[in-house]
Protein backbone atom coordinates (compact mmCIF):
# COMPACT_ATOMS: atom_id res chain seq x y z
CA GLN A 1 0.00 0.00 0.00
CA VAL A 2 1.41 3.35 -1.06
CA GLN A 3 1.64 5.99 1.64
CA LEU A 4 2.99 9.51 1.82
CA VAL A 5 2.58 10.95 5.33
CA GLU A 6 3.51 14.57 6.01
CA SER A 7 4.32 15.91 9.42
CA GLY A 8 5.93 18.94 11.05
CA GLY A 9 3.38 21.59 10.27
CA GLY A 10 2.14 24.03 12.87
CA LEU A 11 1.81 27.63 13.95
CA VAL A 12 4.92 29.81 13.92
CA GLN A 13 5.66 33.52 14.05
CA PRO A 14 7.07 35.44 11.06
CA GLY A 15 10.81 34.99 10.82
CA GLU A 16 10.83 31.60 12.50
CA SER A 17 11.72 28.23 10.97
CA LEU A 18 9.91 24.94 10.42
CA THR A 19 10.90 21.61 8.93
CA LEU A 20 8.36 19.45 7.18
CA SER A 21 8.85 15.68 6.70
CA CYS A 22 7.16 13.26 4.34
CA ALA A 23 7.54 9.57 5.17
CA ALA A 24 7.02 7.31 2.16
CA SER A 25 6.28 3.62 1.79
CA GLY A 26 4.92 1.14 -0.73
CA PHE A 27 6.85 2.21 -3.78
CA PRO A 28 10.53 2.43 -4.88
CA PHE A 29 11.28 5.79 -3.30
CA THR A 30 14.80 6.18 -4.70
CA SER A 31 13.52 6.14 -8.28
CA TYR A 32 10.89 8.84 -7.81
CA HIS A 33 11.08 12.55 -8.37
CA LEU A 34 9.71 14.44 -5.34
CA ARG A 35 8.01 17.74 -4.85
CA TRP A 36 6.46 19.94 -2.21
CA TYR A 37 3.34 21.87 -3.12
CA ARG A 38 1.19 24.23 -1.09
CA GLN A 39 -2.38 25.35 -1.38
CA ASN A 40 -4.83 27.79 0.19
CA PRO A 41 -8.61 27.50 -0.01
CA GLY A 42 -9.92 28.76 -3.33
CA LYS A 43 -6.48 28.94 -4.88
CA ALA A 44 -4.52 26.73 -7.21
CA ARG A 45 -1.92 24.33 -5.82
CA GLU A 46 1.51 25.95 -6.06
CA LEU A 47 4.79 24.15 -6.65
CA VAL A 48 7.23 25.10 -3.88
CA ALA A 49 10.28 22.93 -4.47
CA SER A 50 11.36 19.77 -6.25
CA ILE A 51 14.17 17.26 -6.01
CA SER A 52 14.88 14.70 -8.69
CA ASN A 53 15.98 11.13 -8.22
CA ASN A 54 19.55 12.30 -8.75
CA TYR A 55 19.25 15.14 -6.24
CA ASP A 56 18.77 18.08 -8.66
CA THR A 57 16.76 20.77 -6.87
CA LYS A 58 14.53 23.63 -8.00
CA TYR A 59 12.60 26.26 -6.09
CA ALA A 60 9.82 28.71 -6.64
CA ASP A 61 11.19 32.25 -6.81
CA SER A 62 9.18 33.17 -3.69
CA VAL A 63 11.11 30.73 -1.49
CA LYS A 64 14.62 30.69 -3.07
CA GLY A 65 17.31 31.20 -0.51
CA ARG A 66 14.99 30.49 2.43
CA PHE A 67 13.64 26.96 1.83
CA THR A 68 15.72 23.82 1.31
CA ILE A 69 14.37 20.53 -0.07
CA SER A 70 16.19 17.30 0.68
CA ARG A 71 15.66 13.59 0.62
CA ASP A 72 16.96 10.66 2.65
CA ASN A 73 16.73 7.59 0.46
CA GLY A 74 17.84 5.37 3.30
CA GLN A 75 14.87 6.49 5.39
CA ASN A 76 12.43 6.95 2.46
CA THR A 77 11.81 10.49 3.69
CA LEU A 78 11.46 13.87 1.98
CA TYR A 79 12.13 17.11 3.88
CA LEU A 80 11.45 20.78 3.48
CA GLN A 81 13.46 23.14 5.69
CA MET A 82 11.71 26.50 5.81
CA ASN A 83 13.55 29.51 7.24
CA SER A 84 12.60 33.16 7.65
CA LEU A 85 8.95 32.27 7.24
CA LYS A 86 6.53 34.95 6.03
CA PRO A 87 2.74 35.11 6.57
CA GLU A 88 2.24 34.41 2.86
CA ALA A 89 3.74 30.92 3.46
CA THR A 90 0.55 29.99 5.29
CA ALA A 91 -0.98 27.05 3.44
CA VAL A 92 -1.48 23.28 3.46
CA TYR A 93 1.71 21.70 2.29
CA TYR A 94 1.61 18.47 0.29
CA CYS A 95 4.37 16.10 -0.75
CA HIS A 96 4.20 14.49 -4.18
CA ALA A 97 6.09 11.60 -5.78
CA ARG A 98 6.23 11.02 -9.51
CA PHE A 99 7.78 8.50 -11.90
CA PHE A 100 6.81 6.88 -15.20
CA SER A 101 4.74 4.29 -13.36
CA GLY A 102 2.59 6.80 -11.57
CA GLU A 103 2.28 9.56 -9.01
CA TYR A 104 1.23 9.83 -5.41
CA TRP A 105 0.11 12.56 -3.04
CA GLY A 106 0.24 12.94 0.74
CA GLN A 107 -2.72 14.15 2.78
CA GLY A 108 -1.13 17.52 3.60
CA THR A 109 0.05 19.35 6.70
CA GLN A 110 -1.03 22.83 7.75
CA VAL A 111 1.53 25.57 8.12
CA THR A 112 0.39 28.86 9.62
CA VAL A 113 2.66 31.86 9.92
CA SER A 114 1.14 34.54 12.11
CA SER A 115 2.02 36.89 14.91
């Protein structure tokens, strides 16, 4: 059974940091390209960061220099380190895994940045 389980969301103040995790199981994690998306109610899902199966990374312009995506293939886990958080980062964050054989989504974790 395929599972992507996000954790680490919560309420933080502007300027603080948060690290999201996504634990994967049920598929060959090392082969898959991985992404973090975020979404607010009534808005389109936004791509935040991606990491390929050979560790190439890309970031949305809005988070470059502040967010870091990483993966631990030994632990089948995807991470998103978020520093200097701004209120506009408030959203539900989803992890996503994609390869030729298919794609999978996690259930999401809420991040709220507010004073």
